Amino acid sequence: MDFETTFGTSRPVIGMVHLGALPGAPQADAGIDAVVERAVADARALDAGGVDGIMVENFGDAPFYPDDVPKHTVASMTRAITEIAAATDRPLGVNVLRNDAPAAVGIAAATGADYVRVNVHTGARVSDQGVLQGQAHETIRLRERLDAGDVGVFADLDVKHSAPLASGEFTAESFADQTERGLADAAVVSGRGTGEPTSPADLREWAARRDEVGLDTPILVGSGVTEETVADLLDIADGVIVGTALKEGGETTAPVDEGRVANLVAAADASR
């Protein structure tokens, strides 16, 4: 994946489409047509506000399957992303929660999406879904089997809502495990939970570790980005993924607010 060519900038702002609960999920209170209609409206608002890319995830499907979502979830997400792709030319990404990388890669290959997010790509983490184990060896091989080599894999480092299974600090070698050995195309650094700030100190530390092993893999901020912080974060990171701050009233489950998107993008432009 050519990161800068995909997004048209070296430091993209990627906006989130949080899908409502899909059919079969415990909190589903609307049919697939309503979920898709809302998702398309959110994507159009992100597009109009000027984001450089859009990431789609099944945020409403809690409690999440650890690593193998049902086939109807894959089908629903494929439909949603297909309709979003028809409504916007922005580069699209897929995240199948909690950690179904094969489903994400399959959806991306089928819909022409440009990248996927994998919460645990290498190593293992303890989460509210239990132990999540990275399957980089399967994910990357599946991408090649599906002739989807241009689909970027964005892999989380120290992913939110989880803790490492093994003790010890994250090192330069940890970064290399994700990107050099795991062949991830970008790394994502987040706060401890959805919408929680990402520490600039942590970003600097990860950038230093990347430099230690001589890599140039982009580092994205994965949570807690706001209009007030985006410029400072982009002085360190190579891009941001933004959800909550772009919603009406700053509520994660609310519709996307085009005005909030435009304001955050304008703030990002001040540093790029």
C-alpha atoms as a PDB file:
ATOM      1  CA  MET A   1       0.000   0.000   0.000  1.00  0.00           C
ATOM      2  CA  ASP A   2       1.244   3.463  -0.901  1.00  0.00           C
ATOM      3  CA  PHE A   3       0.014   5.446   2.103  1.00  0.00           C
ATOM      4  CA  GLU A   4       0.370   8.961   0.727  1.00  0.00           C
ATOM      5  CA  THR A   5      -1.015   8.077  -2.697  1.00  0.00           C
ATOM      6  CA  THR A   6      -4.056   6.382  -1.162  1.00  0.00           C
ATOM      7  CA  PHE A   7      -5.059   9.415   0.911  1.00  0.00           C
ATOM      8  CA  GLY A   8      -3.622  12.222  -1.192  1.00  0.00           C
ATOM      9  CA  THR A   9      -1.697  13.516   1.824  1.00  0.00           C
ATOM     10  CA  SER A  10       1.082  12.271   4.073  1.00  0.00           C
ATOM     11  CA  ARG A  11      -0.987  13.002   7.216  1.00  0.00           C
ATOM     12  CA  PRO A  12      -4.628  12.048   6.629  1.00  0.00           C
ATOM     13  CA  VAL A  13      -7.690  12.655   8.769  1.00  0.00           C
ATOM     14  CA  ILE A  14      -9.784   9.462   8.707  1.00  0.00           C
ATOM     15  CA  GLY A  15     -13.367   9.778   9.954  1.00  0.00           C
ATOM     16  CA  MET A  16     -15.358   6.952  11.535  1.00  0.00           C
ATOM     17  CA  VAL A  17     -18.712   5.541  10.465  1.00  0.00           C
ATOM     18  CA  HIS A  18     -19.980   3.631  13.498  1.00  0.00           C
ATOM     19  CA  LEU A  19     -22.592   1.208  12.220  1.00  0.00           C
ATOM     20  CA  GLY A  20     -25.677   0.746  14.340  1.00  0.00           C
ATOM     21  CA  ALA A  21     -26.440  -2.692  15.717  1.00  0.00           C
ATOM     22  CA  LEU A  22     -26.669  -5.049  12.758  1.00  0.00           C
ATOM     23  CA  PRO A  23     -29.341  -7.732  12.380  1.00  0.00           C
ATOM     24  CA  GLY A  24     -28.690 -10.521  14.882  1.00  0.00           C
ATOM     25  CA  ALA A  25     -26.958  -8.271  17.431  1.00  0.00           C
ATOM     26  CA  PRO A  26     -28.610  -7.964  20.878  1.00  0.00           C
ATOM     27  CA  GLN A  27     -29.275  -4.230  20.584  1.00  0.00           C
ATOM     28  CA  ALA A  28     -30.583  -4.291  17.018  1.00  0.00           C
ATOM     29  CA  ASP A  29     -33.774  -2.240  16.957  1.00  0.00           C
ATOM     30  CA  ALA A  30     -33.839  -1.323  13.277  1.00  0.00           C
ATOM     31  CA  GLY A  31     -33.657  -3.291  10.061  1.00  0.00           C
ATOM     32  CA  ILE A  32     -30.631  -3.337   7.812  1.00  0.00           C
ATOM     33  CA  ASP A  33     -32.158  -0.681   5.536  1.00  0.00           C
ATOM     34  CA  ALA A  34     -32.240   1.847   8.384  1.00  0.00           C
ATOM     35  CA  VAL A  35     -28.695   0.990   9.509  1.00  0.00           C
ATOM     36  CA  VAL A  36     -27.354   1.433   5.983  1.00  0.00           C
ATOM     37  CA  GLU A  37     -29.288   4.676   5.444  1.00  0.00           C
ATOM     38  CA  ARG A  38     -27.732   6.171   8.582  1.00  0.00           C
ATOM     39  CA  ALA A  39     -24.259   4.905   7.629  1.00  0.00           C
ATOM     40  CA  VAL A  40     -24.475   6.478   4.178  1.00  0.00           C
ATOM     41  CA  ALA A  41     -25.645   9.772   5.693  1.00  0.00           C
ATOM     42  CA  ASP A  42     -22.697   9.740   8.097  1.00  0.00           C
ATOM     43  CA  ALA A  43     -20.267   8.982   5.270  1.00  0.00           C
ATOM     44  CA  ARG A  44     -21.658  11.840   3.180  1.00  0.00           C
ATOM     45  CA  ALA A  45     -21.267  14.231   6.115  1.00  0.00           C
ATOM     46  CA  LEU A  46     -17.660  13.110   6.591  1.00  0.00           C
ATOM     47  CA  ASP A  47     -16.997  13.564   2.884  1.00  0.00           C
ATOM     48  CA  ALA A  48     -18.577  17.013   2.784  1.00  0.00           C
ATOM     49  CA  GLY A  49     -16.597  18.041   5.868  1.00  0.00           C
ATOM     50  CA  GLY A  50     -13.342  17.229   4.082  1.00  0.00           C
ATOM     51  CA  VAL A  51     -11.898  14.065   5.629  1.00  0.00           C
ATOM     52  CA  ASP A  52      -9.214  12.218   3.680  1.00  0.00           C
ATOM     53  CA  GLY A  53     -10.589   8.738   4.369  1.00  0.00           C
ATOM     54  CA  ILE A  54     -13.454   6.883   6.063  1.00  0.00           C
ATOM     55  CA  MET A  55     -13.305   3.839   8.338  1.00  0.00           C
ATOM     56  CA  VAL A  56     -16.405   1.682   8.873  1.00  0.00           C
ATOM     57  CA  GLU A  57     -16.844  -0.607  11.878  1.00  0.00           C
ATOM     58  CA  ASN A  58     -19.659  -2.613  13.505  1.00  0.00           C
ATOM     59  CA  PHE A  59     -19.608  -0.472  16.647  1.00  0.00           C
ATOM     60  CA  GLY A  60     -23.203  -1.263  17.584  1.00  0.00           C
ATOM     61  CA  ASP A  61     -22.737  -5.035  17.763  1.00  0.00           C
ATOM     62  CA  ALA A  62     -21.674  -5.270  21.437  1.00  0.00           C
ATOM     63  CA  PRO A  63     -20.977  -7.606  23.076  1.00  0.00           C
ATOM     64  CA  PHE A  64     -18.474  -8.429  20.365  1.00  0.00           C
ATOM     65  CA  TYR A  65     -17.403 -11.827  19.090  1.00  0.00           C
ATOM     66  CA  PRO A  66     -13.668 -12.249  19.799  1.00  0.00           C
ATOM     67  CA  ASP A  67     -12.375 -13.234  16.371  1.00  0.00           C
ATOM     68  CA  ASP A  68     -15.042 -14.889  14.199  1.00  0.00           C
ATOM     69  CA  VAL A  69     -18.227 -12.920  13.542  1.00  0.00           C
ATOM     70  CA  PRO A  70     -21.308 -14.652  12.066  1.00  0.00           C
ATOM     71  CA  LYS A  71     -21.761 -14.799   8.325  1.00  0.00           C
ATOM     72  CA  HIS A  72     -24.788 -12.502   8.467  1.00  0.00           C
ATOM     73  CA  THR A  73     -22.606  -9.810  10.059  1.00  0.00           C
ATOM     74  CA  VAL A  74     -20.151 -10.087   7.177  1.00  0.00           C
ATOM     75  CA  ALA A  75     -23.034  -9.851   4.723  1.00  0.00           C
ATOM     76  CA  SER A  76     -24.517  -6.795   6.452  1.00  0.00           C
ATOM     77  CA  MET A  77     -21.189  -4.986   6.593  1.00  0.00           C
ATOM     78  CA  THR A  78     -20.499  -5.796   2.946  1.00  0.00           C
ATOM     79  CA  ARG A  79     -23.822  -4.249   1.967  1.00  0.00           C
ATOM     80  CA  ALA A  80     -23.217  -1.142   4.083  1.00  0.00           C
ATOM     81  CA  ILE A  81     -19.738  -0.557   2.684  1.00  0.00           C
ATOM     82  CA  THR A  82     -20.909  -1.170  -0.877  1.00  0.00           C
ATOM     83  CA  GLU A  83     -23.534   1.561  -0.492  1.00  0.00           C
ATOM     84  CA  ILE A  84     -21.088   3.907   1.220  1.00  0.00           C
ATOM     85  CA  ALA A  85     -18.641   3.377  -1.654  1.00  0.00           C
ATOM     86  CA  ALA A  86     -21.375   4.435  -4.072  1.00  0.00           C
ATOM     87  CA  ALA A  87     -21.916   7.652  -2.102  1.00  0.00           C
ATOM     88  CA  THR A  88     -18.303   8.829  -1.689  1.00  0.00           C
ATOM     89  CA  ASP A  89     -14.962   8.627  -3.454  1.00  0.00           C
ATOM     90  CA  ARG A  90     -12.995   8.825  -0.203  1.00  0.00           C
ATOM     91  CA  PRO A  91     -10.668   5.883   0.550  1.00  0.00           C
ATOM     92  CA  LEU A  92     -12.571   3.356   2.662  1.00  0.00           C
ATOM     93  CA  GLY A  93     -11.457   1.143   5.530  1.00  0.00           C
ATOM     94  CA  VAL A  94     -13.022  -1.812   7.357  1.00  0.00           C
ATOM     95  CA  ASN A  95     -12.766  -2.840  11.001  1.00  0.00           C
ATOM     96  CA  VAL A  96     -14.690  -5.963  12.056  1.00  0.00           C
ATOM     97  CA  LEU A  97     -14.915  -5.935  15.832  1.00  0.00           C
ATOM     98  CA  ARG A  98     -13.543  -7.306  17.838  1.00  0.00           C
ATOM     99  CA  ASN A  99     -10.708  -8.887  15.909  1.00  0.00           C
ATOM    100  CA  ASP A 100     -11.985 -10.650  12.809  1.00  0.00           C
ATOM    101  CA  ALA A 101      -9.205  -9.721  10.404  1.00  0.00           C
ATOM    102  CA  PRO A 102     -10.132 -12.391   7.798  1.00  0.00           C
ATOM    103  CA  ALA A 103     -13.662 -10.979   7.596  1.00  0.00           C
ATOM    104  CA  ALA A 104     -12.309  -7.435   7.231  1.00  0.00           C
ATOM    105  CA  VAL A 105      -9.914  -8.458   4.459  1.00  0.00           C
ATOM    106  CA  GLY A 106     -12.667 -10.416   2.702  1.00  0.00           C
ATOM    107  CA  ILE A 107     -15.079  -7.466   2.853  1.00  0.00           C
ATOM    108  CA  ALA A 108     -12.382  -5.097   1.590  1.00  0.00           C
ATOM    109  CA  ALA A 109     -11.536  -7.404  -1.308  1.00  0.00           C
ATOM    110  CA  ALA A 110     -15.216  -7.740  -2.264  1.00  0.00           C
ATOM    111  CA  THR A 111     -16.090  -4.043  -2.007  1.00  0.00           C
ATOM    112  CA  GLY A 112     -12.898  -2.421  -3.239  1.00  0.00           C
ATOM    113  CA  ALA A 113     -12.105  -0.890   0.151  1.00  0.00           C
ATOM    114  CA  ASP A 114      -8.571   0.366   0.585  1.00  0.00           C
ATOM    115  CA  TYR A 115      -7.488  -0.692   4.080  1.00  0.00           C
ATOM    116  CA  VAL A 116      -8.478  -2.633   7.183  1.00  0.00           C
ATOM    117  CA  ARG A 117      -7.839  -2.092  10.865  1.00  0.00           C
ATOM    118  CA  VAL A 118      -6.742  -5.073  12.926  1.00  0.00           C
ATOM    119  CA  ASN A 119      -6.854  -4.597  16.683  1.00  0.00           C
ATOM    120  CA  VAL A 120      -4.489  -7.479  17.500  1.00  0.00           C
ATOM    121  CA  HIS A 121      -2.272  -8.313  14.531  1.00  0.00           C
ATOM    122  CA  THR A 122       0.671  -9.880  16.352  1.00  0.00           C
ATOM    123  CA  GLY A 123       1.114 -11.075  19.922  1.00  0.00           C
ATOM    124  CA  ALA A 124      -1.813 -11.569  22.307  1.00  0.00           C
ATOM    125  CA  ARG A 125      -4.011  -9.324  24.451  1.00  0.00           C
ATOM    126  CA  VAL A 126      -6.499  -9.836  27.283  1.00  0.00           C
ATOM    127  CA  SER A 127      -9.786  -8.043  26.649  1.00  0.00           C
ATOM    128  CA  ASP A 128     -13.437  -8.165  27.663  1.00  0.00           C
ATOM    129  CA  GLN A 129     -13.801 -10.777  24.902  1.00  0.00           C
ATOM    130  CA  GLY A 130     -11.113 -12.931  26.522  1.00  0.00           C
ATOM    131  CA  VAL A 131      -7.703 -13.545  25.002  1.00  0.00           C
ATOM    132  CA  LEU A 132      -7.268 -12.110  21.514  1.00  0.00           C
ATOM    133  CA  GLN A 133      -4.413 -13.645  19.555  1.00  0.00           C
ATOM    134  CA  GLY A 134      -2.787 -12.060  16.542  1.00  0.00           C
ATOM    135  CA  GLN A 135      -3.002 -13.992  13.291  1.00  0.00           C
ATOM    136  CA  ALA A 136      -0.723 -11.960  11.044  1.00  0.00           C
ATOM    137  CA  HIS A 137       0.412 -15.106   9.262  1.00  0.00           C
ATOM    138  CA  GLU A 138      -3.183 -15.880   8.199  1.00  0.00           C
ATOM    139  CA  THR A 139      -4.264 -12.297   7.509  1.00  0.00           C
ATOM    140  CA  ILE A 140      -1.415 -11.454   5.165  1.00  0.00           C
ATOM    141  CA  ARG A 141      -1.649 -14.770   3.316  1.00  0.00           C
ATOM    142  CA  LEU A 142      -5.405 -14.352   2.880  1.00  0.00           C
ATOM    143  CA  ARG A 143      -4.851 -10.893   1.434  1.00  0.00           C
ATOM    144  CA  GLU A 144      -2.548 -12.386  -1.172  1.00  0.00           C
ATOM    145  CA  ARG A 145      -4.892 -15.300  -1.949  1.00  0.00           C
ATOM    146  CA  LEU A 146      -7.717 -12.845  -2.612  1.00  0.00           C
ATOM    147  CA  ASP A 147      -5.478 -10.793  -4.908  1.00  0.00           C
ATOM    148  CA  ALA A 148      -5.989  -7.868  -2.550  1.00  0.00           C
ATOM    149  CA  GLY A 149      -2.359  -6.961  -1.999  1.00  0.00           C
ATOM    150  CA  ASP A 150      -3.145  -3.247  -2.254  1.00  0.00           C
ATOM    151  CA  VAL A 151      -5.414  -3.417   0.813  1.00  0.00           C
ATOM    152  CA  GLY A 152      -3.468  -1.821   3.649  1.00  0.00           C
ATOM    153  CA  VAL A 153      -3.342  -3.431   7.103  1.00  0.00           C
ATOM    154  CA  PHE A 154      -3.433  -0.879   9.932  1.00  0.00           C
ATOM    155  CA  ALA A 155      -2.441  -2.691  13.128  1.00  0.00           C
ATOM    156  CA  ASP A 156      -2.955  -1.417  16.665  1.00  0.00           C
ATOM    157  CA  LEU A 157      -0.095  -1.138  19.133  1.00  0.00           C
ATOM    158  CA  ASP A 158      -1.166  -1.618  22.754  1.00  0.00           C
ATOM    159  CA  VAL A 159      -4.799  -1.599  21.604  1.00  0.00           C
ATOM    160  CA  LYS A 160      -7.498   0.127  23.676  1.00  0.00           C
ATOM    161  CA  HIS A 161      -9.878  -1.843  25.909  1.00  0.00           C
ATOM    162  CA  SER A 162      -7.216  -4.506  26.501  1.00  0.00           C
ATOM    163  CA  ALA A 163      -3.972  -5.355  28.287  1.00  0.00           C
ATOM    164  CA  PRO A 164      -0.931  -7.350  27.151  1.00  0.00           C
ATOM    165  CA  LEU A 165      -1.011 -11.047  27.921  1.00  0.00           C
ATOM    166  CA  ALA A 166       2.723 -11.103  28.610  1.00  0.00           C
ATOM    167  CA  SER A 167       4.434  -8.702  30.982  1.00  0.00           C
ATOM    168  CA  GLY A 168       7.111  -6.338  29.804  1.00  0.00           C
ATOM    169  CA  GLU A 169       7.383  -2.984  28.078  1.00  0.00           C
ATOM    170  CA  PHE A 170       6.806  -2.367  24.409  1.00  0.00           C
ATOM    171  CA  THR A 171      10.147  -2.037  22.683  1.00  0.00           C
ATOM    172  CA  ALA A 172      11.538  -1.189  19.296  1.00  0.00           C
ATOM    173  CA  GLU A 173      11.377  -4.910  18.599  1.00  0.00           C
ATOM    174  CA  SER A 174       7.641  -4.834  19.362  1.00  0.00           C
ATOM    175  CA  PHE A 175       7.213  -2.267  16.607  1.00  0.00           C
ATOM    176  CA  ALA A 176       9.244  -4.421  14.244  1.00  0.00           C
ATOM    177  CA  ASP A 177       7.092  -7.451  15.111  1.00  0.00           C
ATOM    178  CA  GLN A 178       4.030  -5.573  13.848  1.00  0.00           C
ATOM    179  CA  THR A 179       5.466  -3.970  10.753  1.00  0.00           C
ATOM    180  CA  GLU A 180       8.638  -5.702   9.635  1.00  0.00           C
ATOM    181  CA  ARG A 181       7.720  -9.257  10.645  1.00  0.00           C
ATOM    182  CA  GLY A 182       3.917  -8.895  10.631  1.00  0.00           C
ATOM    183  CA  LEU A 183       3.983  -6.802   7.421  1.00  0.00           C
ATOM    184  CA  ALA A 184       1.500  -4.213   8.723  1.00  0.00           C
ATOM    185  CA  ASP A 185       1.315  -1.125   6.525  1.00  0.00           C
ATOM    186  CA  ALA A 186       0.603   1.318   9.368  1.00  0.00           C
ATOM    187  CA  ALA A 187       0.519   1.289  13.156  1.00  0.00           C
ATOM    188  CA  VAL A 188      -2.260   2.724  15.342  1.00  0.00           C
ATOM    189  CA  VAL A 189      -1.670   4.168  18.820  1.00  0.00           C
ATOM    190  CA  SER A 190      -4.718   4.841  21.018  1.00  0.00           C
ATOM    191  CA  GLY A 191      -5.796   5.879  24.487  1.00  0.00           C
ATOM    192  CA  ARG A 192      -7.171   3.340  26.941  1.00  0.00           C
ATOM    193  CA  GLY A 193     -10.733   3.396  25.602  1.00  0.00           C
ATOM    194  CA  THR A 194     -13.083   4.768  22.937  1.00  0.00           C
ATOM    195  CA  GLY A 195     -12.767   8.542  22.766  1.00  0.00           C
ATOM    196  CA  GLU A 196      -9.997   8.681  25.372  1.00  0.00           C
ATOM    197  CA  PRO A 197      -6.997  10.900  24.556  1.00  0.00           C
ATOM    198  CA  THR A 198      -3.842   9.465  23.087  1.00  0.00           C
ATOM    199  CA  SER A 199      -0.787  10.662  24.956  1.00  0.00           C
ATOM    200  CA  PRO A 200       1.635  12.798  22.904  1.00  0.00           C
ATOM    201  CA  ALA A 201       4.420  11.316  25.039  1.00  0.00           C
ATOM    202  CA  ASP A 202       3.364   7.807  23.982  1.00  0.00           C
ATOM    203  CA  LEU A 203       3.343   8.904  20.347  1.00  0.00           C
ATOM    204  CA  ARG A 204       6.843  10.289  20.618  1.00  0.00           C
ATOM    205  CA  GLU A 205       8.015   7.086  22.264  1.00  0.00           C
ATOM    206  CA  TRP A 206       6.565   4.943  19.498  1.00  0.00           C
ATOM    207  CA  ALA A 207       8.083   7.199  16.843  1.00  0.00           C
ATOM    208  CA  ALA A 208      11.456   6.826  18.551  1.00  0.00           C
ATOM    209  CA  ARG A 209      11.083   3.054  18.646  1.00  0.00           C
ATOM    210  CA  ARG A 210      10.200   3.043  14.953  1.00  0.00           C
ATOM    211  CA  ASP A 211      13.354   5.026  14.221  1.00  0.00           C
ATOM    212  CA  GLU A 212      15.439   2.650  16.340  1.00  0.00           C
ATOM    213  CA  VAL A 213      14.712  -0.206  13.954  1.00  0.00           C
ATOM    214  CA  GLY A 214      15.087   1.942  10.853  1.00  0.00           C
ATOM    215  CA  LEU A 215      11.467   1.741   9.676  1.00  0.00           C
ATOM    216  CA  ASP A 216       9.293   4.431   8.096  1.00  0.00           C
ATOM    217  CA  THR A 217       5.894   2.874   8.819  1.00  0.00           C
ATOM    218  CA  PRO A 218       3.189   5.524   9.337  1.00  0.00           C
ATOM    219  CA  ILE A 219       1.839   5.918  12.875  1.00  0.00           C
ATOM    220  CA  LEU A 220      -1.812   6.917  13.280  1.00  0.00           C
ATOM    221  CA  VAL A 221      -3.589   8.236  16.367  1.00  0.00           C
ATOM    222  CA  GLY A 222      -6.563   5.959  17.031  1.00  0.00           C
ATOM    223  CA  SER A 223      -8.642   7.686  19.706  1.00  0.00           C
ATOM    224  CA  GLY A 224      -9.395  10.905  21.536  1.00  0.00           C
ATOM    225  CA  VAL A 225      -8.551  13.325  18.710  1.00  0.00           C
ATOM    226  CA  THR A 226     -10.362  16.672  18.973  1.00  0.00           C
ATOM    227  CA  GLU A 227     -10.402  19.971  17.126  1.00  0.00           C
ATOM    228  CA  GLU A 228      -8.226  21.384  19.894  1.00  0.00           C
ATOM    229  CA  THR A 229      -5.598  18.598  19.830  1.00  0.00           C
ATOM    230  CA  VAL A 230      -5.425  17.488  16.200  1.00  0.00           C
ATOM    231  CA  ALA A 231      -2.753  19.973  15.084  1.00  0.00           C
ATOM    232  CA  ASP A 232      -0.390  19.075  17.924  1.00  0.00           C
ATOM    233  CA  LEU A 233      -0.937  15.346  17.351  1.00  0.00           C
ATOM    234  CA  LEU A 234      -0.222  15.683  13.630  1.00  0.00           C
ATOM    235  CA  ASP A 235       3.077  17.341  14.480  1.00  0.00           C
ATOM    236  CA  ILE A 236       4.100  13.900  15.793  1.00  0.00           C
ATOM    237  CA  ALA A 237       1.883  11.330  14.069  1.00  0.00           C
ATOM    238  CA  ASP A 238       1.356  10.554  10.395  1.00  0.00           C
ATOM    239  CA  GLY A 239      -2.432  10.653  10.559  1.00  0.00           C
ATOM    240  CA  VAL A 240      -5.469  10.459  12.826  1.00  0.00           C
ATOM    241  CA  ILE A 241      -8.596   8.321  13.052  1.00  0.00           C
ATOM    242  CA  VAL A 242     -11.472  10.358  14.514  1.00  0.00           C
ATOM    243  CA  GLY A 243     -14.932   9.265  15.636  1.00  0.00           C
ATOM    244  CA  THR A 244     -16.470  10.772  18.754  1.00  0.00           C
ATOM    245  CA  ALA A 245     -15.296  14.353  18.177  1.00  0.00           C
ATOM    246  CA  LEU A 246     -17.090  14.439  14.813  1.00  0.00           C
ATOM    247  CA  LYS A 247     -20.493  13.481  16.196  1.00  0.00           C
ATOM    248  CA  GLU A 248     -23.343  15.743  17.245  1.00  0.00           C
ATOM    249  CA  GLY A 249     -22.700  16.874  20.800  1.00  0.00           C
ATOM    250  CA  GLY A 250     -19.493  14.830  20.901  1.00  0.00           C
ATOM    251  CA  GLU A 251     -21.522  11.653  21.539  1.00  0.00           C
ATOM    252  CA  THR A 252     -20.057   8.505  19.956  1.00  0.00           C
ATOM    253  CA  THR A 253     -23.423   7.052  18.922  1.00  0.00           C
ATOM    254  CA  ALA A 254     -24.846  10.330  17.546  1.00  0.00           C
ATOM    255  CA  PRO A 255     -24.927  11.197  13.831  1.00  0.00           C
ATOM    256  CA  VAL A 256     -21.884  12.804  12.222  1.00  0.00           C
ATOM    257  CA  ASP A 257     -21.982  16.605  12.364  1.00  0.00           C
ATOM    258  CA  GLU A 258     -20.635  18.053   9.107  1.00  0.00           C
ATOM    259  CA  GLY A 259     -19.740  21.330  10.812  1.00  0.00           C
ATOM    260  CA  ARG A 260     -17.657  19.588  13.466  1.00  0.00           C
ATOM    261  CA  VAL A 261     -15.901  17.644  10.716  1.00  0.00           C
ATOM    262  CA  ALA A 262     -15.077  20.814   8.776  1.00  0.00           C
ATOM    263  CA  ASN A 263     -13.764  22.535  11.913  1.00  0.00           C
ATOM    264  CA  LEU A 264     -11.498  19.627  12.825  1.00  0.00           C
ATOM    265  CA  VAL A 265     -10.183  19.300   9.288  1.00  0.00           C
ATOM    266  CA  ALA A 266      -9.445  23.036   9.228  1.00  0.00           C
ATOM    267  CA  ALA A 267      -7.533  22.669  12.492  1.00  0.00           C
ATOM    268  CA  ALA A 268      -5.595  19.736  11.019  1.00  0.00           C
ATOM    269  CA  ASP A 269      -4.743  21.785   7.930  1.00  0.00           C
ATOM    270  CA  ALA A 270      -2.996  24.309  10.166  1.00  0.00           C
ATOM    271  CA  SER A 271      -0.254  21.749  10.833  1.00  0.00           C
ATOM    272  CA  ARG A 272       0.052  20.088   7.422  1.00  0.00           C
END
